[in-house]
Protein backbone atom coordinates (compact mmCIF):
# COMPACT_ATOMS: atom_id res chain seq x y z
CA MET A 1 -78.86 137.97 166.03
CA ILE A 2 -78.50 136.52 162.54
CA GLN A 3 -80.62 139.33 161.10
CA ILE A 4 -78.54 141.94 162.94
CA ALA A 5 -75.36 140.40 161.54
CA ARG A 6 -76.76 140.58 158.03
CA GLU A 7 -77.63 144.24 158.43
CA LEU A 8 -74.16 145.02 159.78
CA ARG A 9 -72.60 143.22 156.83
CA ARG A 10 -74.55 145.45 154.48
CA LEU A 11 -73.64 148.63 156.32
CA ILE A 12 -69.89 147.98 156.60
CA PRO A 13 -68.24 149.51 153.52
CA PRO A 14 -66.10 147.17 151.41
CA GLY A 15 -62.48 147.21 152.45
CA ARG A 16 -63.11 147.44 156.20
CA GLY A 17 -62.42 144.17 157.89
CA HIS A 18 -61.59 142.46 154.59
CA GLU A 19 -59.89 143.34 151.34
CA ALA A 20 -62.13 145.26 148.96
CA ALA A 21 -62.89 143.71 145.59
CA ALA A 22 -60.95 145.20 142.71
CA ALA A 23 -62.83 147.87 140.78
CA PRO A 24 -64.03 146.68 137.36
CA PRO A 25 -62.10 148.00 134.37
CA ALA A 26 -63.50 151.02 132.58
CA LEU A 27 -65.99 150.18 129.85
CA ALA A 28 -64.34 151.07 126.54
CA VAL A 29 -66.81 152.41 123.97
CA ASP A 30 -65.14 152.88 120.59
CA VAL A 31 -66.85 154.72 117.73
CA ARG A 32 -65.64 154.49 114.14
CA LEU A 33 -67.04 157.18 111.85
CA PRO A 34 -66.60 157.82 108.13
CA ARG A 35 -63.84 160.26 107.29
CA GLY A 36 -64.91 163.90 107.27
CA THR A 37 -67.81 163.45 109.68
CA ASP A 38 -66.60 166.29 111.90
CA ALA A 39 -68.10 164.72 115.02
CA GLY A 40 -66.23 166.88 117.50
CA GLY A 41 -65.74 166.24 121.19
CA THR A 42 -69.42 166.80 122.00
CA LEU A 43 -70.30 163.37 120.60
CA ALA A 44 -67.81 161.64 122.89
CA ALA A 45 -69.10 163.55 125.91
CA GLY A 46 -72.72 162.81 125.01
CA LEU A 47 -72.03 159.11 124.55
CA GLU A 48 -70.14 158.90 127.83
CA GLU A 49 -73.04 160.49 129.68
CA ALA A 50 -75.67 158.32 127.95
CA VAL A 51 -73.85 155.02 128.50
CA SER A 52 -72.95 155.90 132.10
CA ARG A 53 -76.56 156.76 132.89
CA ARG A 54 -77.85 153.54 131.33
CA ALA A 55 -75.29 151.47 133.25
CA ALA A 56 -76.31 153.16 136.51
CA ASP A 57 -80.00 152.57 135.75
CA LEU A 58 -79.27 148.85 135.43
CA GLY A 59 -77.14 148.61 138.56
CA VAL A 60 -73.79 148.24 136.78
CA ALA A 61 -71.07 150.33 138.45
CA ARG A 62 -68.40 151.01 135.81
CA ASP A 63 -66.56 154.01 134.50
CA VAL A 64 -67.08 154.66 130.79
CA ASP A 65 -64.29 155.65 128.43
CA VAL A 66 -65.46 156.79 124.97
CA HIS A 67 -63.15 157.13 122.00
CA VAL A 68 -64.39 158.56 118.68
CA ARG A 69 -62.28 158.07 115.57
CA GLU A 70 -62.80 159.10 111.96
CA ASP A 71 -60.91 156.67 109.78
CA GLY A 72 -63.45 155.14 107.39
CA ASP A 73 -64.39 156.00 103.83
CA ALA A 74 -67.35 158.31 103.27
CA ASP A 75 -69.64 155.38 102.40
CA ASP A 76 -68.55 153.21 105.35
CA ARG A 77 -70.96 152.26 108.10
CA VAL A 78 -70.90 153.80 111.55
CA GLU A 79 -69.53 151.17 113.94
CA VAL A 80 -69.68 151.26 117.73
CA SER A 81 -68.05 148.65 119.92
CA CYS A 82 -68.40 147.99 123.62
CA ALA A 83 -65.42 146.32 125.31
CA GLY A 84 -64.22 145.28 121.85
CA ARG A 85 -67.49 143.60 120.89
CA PRO A 86 -70.00 144.97 118.36
CA LEU A 87 -72.66 147.17 119.89
CA LEU A 88 -74.05 148.97 116.85
CA SER A 89 -73.62 149.03 113.08
CA LEU A 90 -75.42 151.81 111.21
CA PRO A 91 -75.58 152.76 107.53
CA PRO A 92 -73.78 155.96 106.47
CA GLY A 93 -75.55 159.21 107.28
CA ARG A 94 -76.59 158.31 110.84
CA THR A 95 -73.86 160.40 112.45
CA ALA A 96 -75.79 163.39 113.77
CA GLY A 97 -75.32 163.72 117.52
CA PRO A 98 -78.89 163.12 118.82
CA ASP A 99 -79.59 160.50 116.15
CA LEU A 100 -76.47 158.51 117.02
CA LEU A 101 -77.09 158.84 120.77
CA ASP A 102 -80.60 157.43 120.33
CA ALA A 103 -79.25 154.58 118.21
CA VAL A 104 -76.53 153.70 120.73
CA ASP A 105 -78.99 153.72 123.62
CA GLY A 106 -81.39 151.53 121.65
CA ALA A 107 -78.57 149.09 120.91
CA LEU A 108 -77.61 149.02 124.60
CA LEU A 109 -81.18 148.14 125.52
CA ARG A 110 -81.12 145.28 123.01
CA ARG A 111 -77.91 143.92 124.58
CA PRO A 112 -77.47 145.46 128.04
CA SER A 113 -75.40 142.47 129.14
CA LEU A 114 -72.46 144.06 127.30
CA LEU A 115 -72.29 146.55 130.16
CA VAL A 116 -70.98 144.00 132.66
CA ASP A 117 -67.45 142.61 132.45
CA PRO A 118 -66.88 138.82 132.70
CA GLU A 119 -65.22 139.05 136.10
CA GLY A 120 -68.00 141.27 137.41
CA ALA A 121 -70.61 138.79 136.18
CA ARG A 122 -68.74 135.96 137.89
CA ARG A 123 -68.53 137.85 141.19
CA PHE A 124 -72.22 138.73 140.98
CA GLY A 125 -73.10 135.06 140.50
CA THR A 126 -70.80 133.92 143.30
CA ASP A 127 -72.34 136.45 145.67
CA LEU A 128 -75.87 135.35 144.75
CA ALA A 129 -75.02 131.70 145.30
CA ALA A 130 -73.61 132.55 148.73
CA ARG A 131 -76.69 134.57 149.66
CA PHE A 132 -78.96 131.71 148.59
CA ARG A 133 -76.73 129.13 150.34
CA ASP A 134 -76.30 127.26 147.08
CA SER A 135 -73.00 125.45 146.56
CA ARG A 136 -73.56 125.13 142.79
CA THR A 137 -71.76 128.37 142.01
CA GLY A 138 -71.26 127.43 138.36
CA LEU A 139 -74.98 127.73 137.65
CA TYR A 140 -74.88 131.43 138.51
CA GLY A 141 -72.08 132.47 136.15
CA ALA A 142 -74.35 133.95 133.45
CA VAL A 143 -77.25 135.08 135.67
CA ALA A 144 -76.16 138.74 135.62
CA GLU A 145 -76.15 138.82 131.82
CA TYR A 146 -79.49 137.01 131.66
CA LEU A 147 -81.12 139.51 134.02
CA LEU A 148 -79.79 142.51 132.12
CA ASP A 149 -80.99 141.19 128.76
CA ALA A 150 -84.42 140.66 130.35
CA GLY A 151 -84.49 144.35 131.28
CA VAL A 152 -83.93 143.69 134.99
CA GLY A 153 -81.32 145.70 136.89
CA LEU A 154 -78.80 144.05 139.18
CA ALA A 155 -79.37 146.26 142.23
CA GLY A 156 -82.53 144.45 143.30
CA ALA A 157 -80.87 141.04 143.16
CA ARG A 158 -78.06 142.29 145.38
CA ARG A 159 -80.63 143.03 148.10
CA LEU A 160 -82.06 139.51 148.15
CA ASP A 161 -81.00 137.31 151.05
CA ARG A 162 -82.82 134.09 150.29
CA LEU A 163 -84.73 132.43 147.47
CA THR A 164 -85.35 128.83 148.45
CA ALA A 165 -86.88 127.88 145.09
CA VAL A 166 -83.47 128.07 143.40
CA HIS A 167 -82.42 124.80 145.04
CA ALA A 168 -84.88 122.93 142.82
CA CYS A 169 -83.42 124.50 139.67
CA GLU A 170 -81.06 122.52 137.46
CA THR A 171 -79.86 125.24 135.07
CA GLY A 172 -78.77 128.85 135.14
CA PRO A 173 -81.71 130.10 133.01
CA GLU A 174 -84.12 128.57 135.55
CA ILE A 175 -82.49 130.51 138.38
CA ALA A 176 -82.48 133.69 136.32
CA GLU A 177 -86.17 133.29 135.45
CA LEU A 178 -87.04 132.97 139.14
CA LEU A 179 -85.18 136.21 139.77
CA VAL A 180 -86.92 137.96 136.87
CA ASP A 181 -90.26 136.85 138.30
CA ARG A 182 -89.26 138.16 141.73
CA LEU A 183 -87.70 141.48 140.68
CA SER A 184 -89.52 142.62 137.54
CA VAL A 185 -92.60 144.80 138.02
CA PRO A 186 -94.43 145.08 134.68
CA GLU A 187 -95.50 148.63 133.93
CA VAL A 188 -95.98 150.89 130.92
CA VAL A 189 -95.96 154.61 131.65
CA VAL A 190 -96.43 157.18 128.88
CA GLU A 191 -95.80 160.89 129.49
CA VAL A 192 -97.05 163.26 126.82
CA ALA A 193 -98.08 166.90 126.58
CA GLU A 194 -101.71 167.62 127.41
CA SER A 195 -102.03 169.64 124.21
CA THR A 196 -101.19 166.54 122.20
CA LEU A 197 -103.88 164.56 123.97
CA ARG A 198 -106.46 167.27 123.26
CA THR A 199 -105.89 166.93 119.51
CA THR A 200 -107.33 163.41 119.50
CA ASP A 201 -109.98 162.96 116.82
CA PRO A 202 -112.80 160.39 117.00
CA ALA A 203 -111.06 158.11 114.51
CA SER A 204 -108.02 157.70 116.79
CA ALA A 205 -109.96 157.29 120.03
CA GLY A 206 -109.64 153.50 119.84
CA ALA A 207 -106.01 153.52 118.69
CA LEU A 208 -104.67 152.03 121.92
CA VAL A 209 -107.19 149.18 121.92
CA ARG A 210 -106.28 148.33 118.34
CA CYS A 211 -102.58 148.54 119.20
CA ARG A 212 -102.94 146.07 122.07
CA ALA A 213 -104.90 143.68 119.85
CA GLU A 214 -102.24 143.86 117.14
CA LEU A 215 -99.46 143.27 119.68
CA HIS A 216 -101.21 140.22 121.08
CA ALA A 217 -101.77 138.83 117.60
CA ALA A 218 -98.12 139.36 116.68
CA VAL A 219 -96.40 138.36 119.93
CA GLY A 220 -98.97 136.54 122.04
CA LEU A 221 -98.19 138.38 125.28
CA GLU A 222 -100.54 140.29 127.57
CA PHE A 223 -99.00 143.70 128.21
CA PRO A 224 -99.88 145.67 131.35
CA ASP A 225 -102.33 148.54 131.24
CA VAL A 226 -100.89 151.83 130.05
CA ASP A 227 -100.52 154.53 132.69
CA LEU A 228 -101.02 157.77 130.77
CA VAL A 229 -99.53 160.85 132.46
CA PRO A 230 -100.05 164.37 131.05
CA ALA A 231 -96.67 166.01 131.51
CA ASP A 232 -94.95 169.34 131.05
CA VAL A 233 -93.08 168.31 127.91
CA PRO A 234 -92.99 169.76 124.37
CA ALA A 235 -95.90 168.78 122.14
CA ASP A 236 -93.57 166.87 119.82
CA VAL A 237 -92.07 164.65 122.54
CA VAL A 238 -93.22 161.46 124.25
CA ARG A 239 -91.55 159.79 127.23
CA ILE A 240 -91.98 156.07 127.89
CA ARG A 241 -91.03 154.08 130.98
CA LEU A 242 -91.10 150.28 130.84
CA ASN A 243 -90.80 148.17 133.99
CA GLY A 244 -89.24 151.08 135.86
CA LEU A 245 -86.65 151.79 133.16
CA GLN A 246 -86.89 155.24 131.58
CA LEU A 247 -86.28 155.25 127.83
CA ARG A 248 -84.90 158.18 125.87
CA GLU A 249 -87.41 160.75 124.68
CA ARG A 250 -88.95 160.02 121.31
CA SER A 251 -89.87 162.72 118.82
CA LEU A 252 -93.35 163.06 117.34
CA PRO A 253 -94.21 164.60 113.97
CA PRO A 254 -95.46 168.21 113.86
CA GLY A 255 -99.11 168.45 114.81
CA ALA A 256 -98.97 165.02 116.46
CA THR A 257 -102.14 163.43 117.79
CA TRP A 258 -102.87 160.57 120.16
CA ALA A 259 -102.62 158.16 117.22
CA ASP A 260 -98.98 159.19 116.70
CA VAL A 261 -98.24 158.56 120.38
CA VAL A 262 -99.80 155.09 120.16
CA GLU A 263 -97.77 154.31 117.04
CA VAL A 264 -94.52 155.09 118.89
CA LEU A 265 -95.69 153.12 121.92
CA GLY A 266 -96.63 150.09 119.83
CA ALA A 267 -93.25 150.01 118.09
CA THR A 268 -91.48 150.35 121.44
CA LEU A 269 -93.45 147.53 123.07
CA ARG A 270 -92.88 145.29 120.07
CA GLU A 271 -89.14 145.85 120.26
CA ARG A 272 -89.01 145.33 124.05
CA ALA A 273 -91.58 142.51 124.19
CA VAL A 274 -89.08 140.12 125.75
CA TRP A 275 -89.00 142.33 128.86
CA PHE A 276 -92.61 141.38 129.57
CA VAL A 277 -92.09 137.61 129.65
CA ARG A 278 -92.45 136.34 133.22
CA SER A 279 -92.45 132.66 134.10
CA GLY A 280 -95.27 133.15 136.61
CA ASP A 281 -97.52 134.60 133.90
CA VAL A 282 -96.59 131.79 131.50
CA ALA A 283 -97.36 129.18 134.16
CA ALA A 284 -100.72 130.81 134.87
CA ALA A 285 -101.55 130.77 131.16
CA ARG A 286 -100.65 127.08 130.99
CA ASN A 287 -102.82 126.29 134.00
CA ARG A 288 -105.82 127.88 132.31
CA PHE A 289 -105.82 124.97 129.85
CA ALA A 290 -106.12 122.41 132.66
CA HIS A 291 -109.90 122.00 132.38
CA VAL A 292 -109.88 121.74 128.60
CA LEU A 293 -106.62 119.84 128.00
CA PRO A 294 -105.84 118.18 131.35
CA HIS A 295 -103.47 115.51 130.00
CA LEU A 296 -101.48 118.01 127.95
CA VAL A 297 -101.06 120.30 130.96
CA THR A 298 -100.09 117.43 133.27
CA LEU A 299 -97.45 116.11 130.88
CA SER A 300 -96.14 119.61 130.23
CA GLN A 301 -95.79 120.35 133.95
CA GLU A 302 -93.94 117.08 134.51
CA MET A 303 -91.53 117.74 131.67
CA TRP A 304 -91.13 121.52 131.80
CA PRO A 305 -91.04 123.31 135.19
CA ASP A 306 -92.50 126.80 135.23
CA ALA A 307 -89.13 128.56 135.11
CA VAL A 308 -87.87 126.42 132.21
CA LEU A 309 -91.07 127.04 130.27
CA GLY A 310 -90.68 130.77 130.89
CA ALA A 311 -87.12 130.65 129.55
CA CYS A 312 -88.31 128.82 126.42
CA VAL A 313 -91.04 131.40 125.82
CA ARG A 314 -88.46 134.17 126.26
CA ALA A 315 -86.23 132.54 123.64
CA VAL A 316 -89.12 132.28 121.17
CA VAL A 317 -90.18 135.91 121.65
CA GLY A 318 -86.57 137.11 121.64
CA ASN A 319 -86.07 135.82 118.09
CA GLY A 320 -89.21 137.53 116.82
CA GLY A 321 -91.55 134.56 117.30
CA SER A 322 -95.07 134.44 118.68
CA VAL A 323 -96.49 132.45 121.60
CA ARG A 324 -100.11 133.31 120.88
CA ASN A 325 -101.01 129.64 120.38
CA LEU A 326 -99.64 128.46 123.72
CA ALA A 327 -101.46 125.11 123.58
CA ARG A 328 -99.64 124.16 120.39
CA LEU A 329 -96.36 125.36 121.84
CA LEU A 330 -96.88 123.08 124.86
CA TRP A 331 -97.53 120.16 122.53
CA LEU A 332 -94.44 120.86 120.44
CA LEU A 333 -92.34 121.09 123.59
CA LEU A 334 -93.41 117.56 124.51
CA GLU A 335 -91.70 116.43 121.32
CA ALA A 336 -88.46 118.29 121.98
CA GLU A 337 -85.52 116.06 121.19
CA PRO A 338 -82.07 115.52 122.71
CA ARG A 339 -79.30 117.96 121.93
CA SER A 340 -77.70 117.68 118.51
CA ASP A 341 -74.80 119.66 117.03
CA ALA A 342 -75.10 118.12 113.57
CA VAL A 343 -74.03 120.51 110.81
CA ASP A 344 -76.34 121.08 107.82
CA ALA A 345 -78.54 118.16 108.85
CA VAL A 346 -81.95 117.36 107.37
CA TRP A 347 -84.35 116.65 110.22
CA LEU A 348 -87.19 114.13 110.22
CA PRO A 349 -89.38 113.55 113.29
CA GLU A 350 -88.86 110.44 115.36
CA ALA A 351 -91.49 107.74 115.08
CA ASP A 352 -91.50 107.35 118.86
CA PRO A 353 -90.47 110.51 120.74
CA VAL A 354 -90.95 108.87 124.16
CA ALA A 355 -87.22 108.30 124.58
CA SER A 356 -86.50 111.97 124.01
CA ARG A 357 -88.92 113.00 126.74
CA SER A 358 -86.71 111.46 129.39
CA ALA A 359 -83.86 113.89 128.67
CA PRO A 360 -85.13 116.99 126.86
CA GLU A 361 -82.86 119.77 125.71
CA GLN A 362 -82.40 122.37 128.46
CA ASP A 363 -80.91 125.28 126.49
CA PRO A 364 -83.86 127.65 125.82
CA VAL A 365 -82.38 128.76 122.48
CA ARG A 366 -82.09 125.14 121.33
CA VAL A 367 -85.62 124.39 122.55
CA ALA A 368 -87.00 127.33 120.57
CA SER A 369 -85.12 126.00 117.55
CA SER A 370 -86.78 122.61 118.04
CA VAL A 371 -90.20 124.28 118.10
CA ARG A 372 -89.54 126.20 114.88
CA ARG A 373 -88.17 123.05 113.26
CA ARG A 374 -91.30 121.04 114.01
CA THR A 375 -93.55 123.91 112.93
CA ALA A 376 -91.74 124.18 109.59
CA PHE A 377 -91.96 120.40 109.08
CA ASP A 378 -95.71 120.34 109.79
CA ALA A 379 -96.25 123.18 107.33
CA TRP A 380 -94.15 121.40 104.69
CA GLN A 381 -96.20 118.21 105.12
CA VAL A 382 -99.37 120.01 104.08
CA GLY A 383 -97.67 121.81 101.22
CA VAL A 384 -97.18 125.17 102.90
CA ASP A 385 -93.76 126.77 102.86
CA GLU A 386 -93.68 130.53 103.08
CA ALA A 387 -90.08 130.31 101.89
CA PRO A 388 -88.78 133.68 103.10
CA GLN A 389 -85.56 134.94 101.63
CA ARG A 390 -82.89 132.82 103.29
CA MET A 391 -79.18 133.56 103.38
CA GLY A 392 -76.55 131.23 104.77
CA LEU A 393 -73.87 132.41 107.17
CA PRO A 394 -70.41 131.74 105.67
CA ARG A 395 -69.13 128.52 107.18
CA VAL A 396 -65.62 129.85 107.66
CA LEU A 397 -66.90 132.78 109.75
CA GLU A 398 -69.23 130.55 111.76
CA ASP A 399 -66.36 128.22 112.64
CA GLU A 400 -64.27 131.22 113.62
CA LEU A 401 -67.05 132.48 115.91
CA LEU A 402 -67.36 129.13 117.68
CA ALA A 403 -63.61 128.66 118.08
CA ASP A 404 -61.76 129.96 121.12
CA GLY A 405 -59.93 133.16 120.36
CA ASP A 406 -60.70 136.76 119.45
CA ARG A 407 -64.48 136.77 119.93
CA GLY A 408 -64.87 140.47 119.21
CA GLY A 409 -62.91 140.23 115.96
CA ALA A 410 -64.96 137.26 114.72
CA GLU A 411 -68.20 139.04 115.62
CA TRP A 412 -67.21 142.15 113.68
CA ARG A 413 -66.32 140.13 110.58
CA ILE A 414 -69.70 138.39 110.69
CA LEU A 415 -71.59 141.61 111.35
CA ARG A 416 -70.03 143.33 108.34
CA VAL A 417 -71.25 140.47 106.18
CA LEU A 418 -74.73 140.53 107.71
CA ALA A 419 -75.03 144.30 107.26
CA ALA A 420 -75.97 143.63 103.62
CA VAL A 421 -78.83 141.28 104.57
CA PRO A 422 -82.32 142.78 104.10
CA PRO A 423 -84.18 142.95 107.43
CA THR A 424 -86.94 140.76 105.99
CA ALA A 425 -84.49 137.96 105.19
CA THR A 426 -83.68 135.01 107.45
CA VAL A 427 -80.08 134.23 108.35
CA VAL A 428 -79.34 130.49 108.46
CA THR A 429 -76.48 129.05 110.51
CA HIS A 430 -74.90 125.71 109.65
CA SER A 431 -74.83 124.42 113.22
CA PRO A 432 -77.31 124.77 116.11
CA ALA A 433 -74.31 125.67 118.28
CA ALA A 434 -74.04 129.02 116.46
CA LEU A 435 -77.69 129.96 116.99
CA GLY A 436 -77.32 131.70 120.35
CA PRO A 437 -74.16 133.68 119.49
CA VAL A 438 -75.52 134.85 116.12
CA GLN A 439 -78.97 135.73 117.47
CA TYR A 440 -77.21 137.82 120.10
CA LEU A 441 -74.88 139.40 117.56
CA VAL A 442 -77.53 140.58 115.08
CA ARG A 443 -79.04 142.80 117.78
CA ALA A 444 -76.27 145.23 116.86
CA LEU A 445 -78.20 145.96 113.66
CA PRO A 446 -80.94 148.63 113.80
CA ARG A 447 -83.43 146.17 112.27
CA VAL A 448 -82.81 142.70 113.63
CA PRO A 449 -83.24 139.80 111.16
CA HIS A 450 -84.47 136.36 112.15
CA VAL A 451 -81.82 133.69 112.70
CA ILE A 452 -82.45 129.94 112.40
CA ALA A 453 -80.29 126.82 112.11
CA SER A 454 -80.10 124.78 108.91
CA HIS A 455 -81.84 121.80 110.52
CA GLU A 456 -84.96 123.96 110.91
CA LEU A 457 -85.44 124.07 107.15
CA PRO A 458 -88.14 121.75 105.79
CA PRO A 459 -86.81 118.64 104.02
CA GLY A 460 -87.76 119.99 100.60
CA ALA A 461 -85.98 123.32 101.01
CA ALA A 462 -82.83 123.96 99.03
CA PRO A 463 -79.73 124.91 101.04
CA PRO A 464 -79.57 128.71 101.20
CA PRO A 465 -76.70 130.38 99.34
CA GLU A 466 -73.89 131.55 101.57
CA LEU A 467 -73.33 135.26 101.88
CA PRO A 468 -70.12 136.42 100.20
CA VAL A 469 -67.16 137.10 102.47
CA GLY A 470 -65.59 140.45 101.70
CA PRO A 471 -62.14 141.63 102.73
CA ALA A 472 -61.66 141.21 106.47
CA ALA A 473 -61.53 144.57 108.19
CA ALA A 474 -60.45 145.45 111.69
CA GLY A 475 -63.00 146.45 114.30
CA PRO A 476 -63.34 149.97 115.65
CA ALA A 477 -59.99 151.41 116.57
CA ARG A 478 -58.90 151.23 120.18
CA ARG A 479 -58.36 154.40 122.17
CA PRO A 480 -54.72 155.38 122.36
CA ALA A 481 -53.45 155.56 125.91
CA GLY A 482 -53.79 158.93 127.55
CA SER A 483 -56.64 160.27 125.42
CA PRO A 484 -59.87 159.45 127.25
CA GLY A 485 -63.09 160.65 125.68
CA ARG A 486 -61.32 162.59 122.92
CA ALA A 487 -62.50 162.74 119.31
CA GLU A 488 -59.65 162.23 116.88
CA PRO A 489 -59.64 163.19 113.19
CA ALA A 490 -58.18 160.82 110.67
CA ALA A 491 -54.45 160.99 110.20
CA GLY A 492 -53.43 162.94 107.12
């Protein structure tokens, strides 16, 4: 009878027998182009279709309202906002329709959590907690955003009725990692024209093997086997599907060979590597050390449950790090220290880290910061400091970001400062509290720089110079009422 009641509950449309939940507000996508771009209404229509399709793919039911405005100088950057928050910042010249559509879709896949509104995320979490019979509703508030950023759609989670393992979880990321493990099906599917495959020369026959080896060396993850599908597509096009999510078509150079296809695939997997982190796989990799390092594995399992370890690995990979040396990562995690919000602090390791083991930091972003901090200190002790170009985030903007208020406005002001940072440079925040927000924000740039906190710098490193703060500018203009999806030229 209980099962029948559940099925009836699913079949009864919302609004019958109880008041239907209010529809989420339309997702406002605002595009600010340099003056004289002549974008036309086709860009707005194309963006609306692309964003709507991506939202539907990820199980987010929202209308999309696109507004394109030309009000910047000719040398201004192209700026796209989503619900008032930065989605994409491009250098001038990237305004052609297909080019901009590809860039917007890529930015959405770097931060798909922008697709869901706060109230929708809260309702999703409340519904999950009720389905799992978990009274700790507050732990589920950010689960929707976590799933989306892991490349997992929300539709599958809505079909789950029970997941007993969540009752042993103590944090939201743990619950989300269990759901990722349950819902994500790792796959890599490549569709390419048969004529392109036939142009493979002997030198490129092993391109895929070399690509996988390079990816493992750079990231430390084991990617699934590639399912190669000859398809009826143009010879200069490749289609890639990752974990069931179809990406936009990518163009190949004229006369492309298999090596060109592998190059595109390798870059795509490197950019979406975080989608292939699964706590079950991480736990299995840890267990493989049990015969060689039994005490390390035992201590690690006692201190870091599988789901928490998976969240920590995701945070490391998400900031461009590598988990190839998992044994060392497990050791460094044993020395993780209690939470600290000290600003511009110089860190030295504790003589006796036993006390810290009783209450380790639970925020995956902070844990990843602790790992980088210890790695940098160990390298400094033996006289090795790669000393990449480091640039400090202006303190006034960082404080504004962390304060309650206009989050979108603060993010745009920071992003306009960071747009001048070379992609090879490292952005340094003053406080560990700003790490997560800034790491999330820089994904709006086409080439995402690394972000660390100042306490990760080795003791001998000089404080990085702060980036100059230019004139504060407003974010992308809001759509005037009554003009949905319409491209507007600049006034005058």
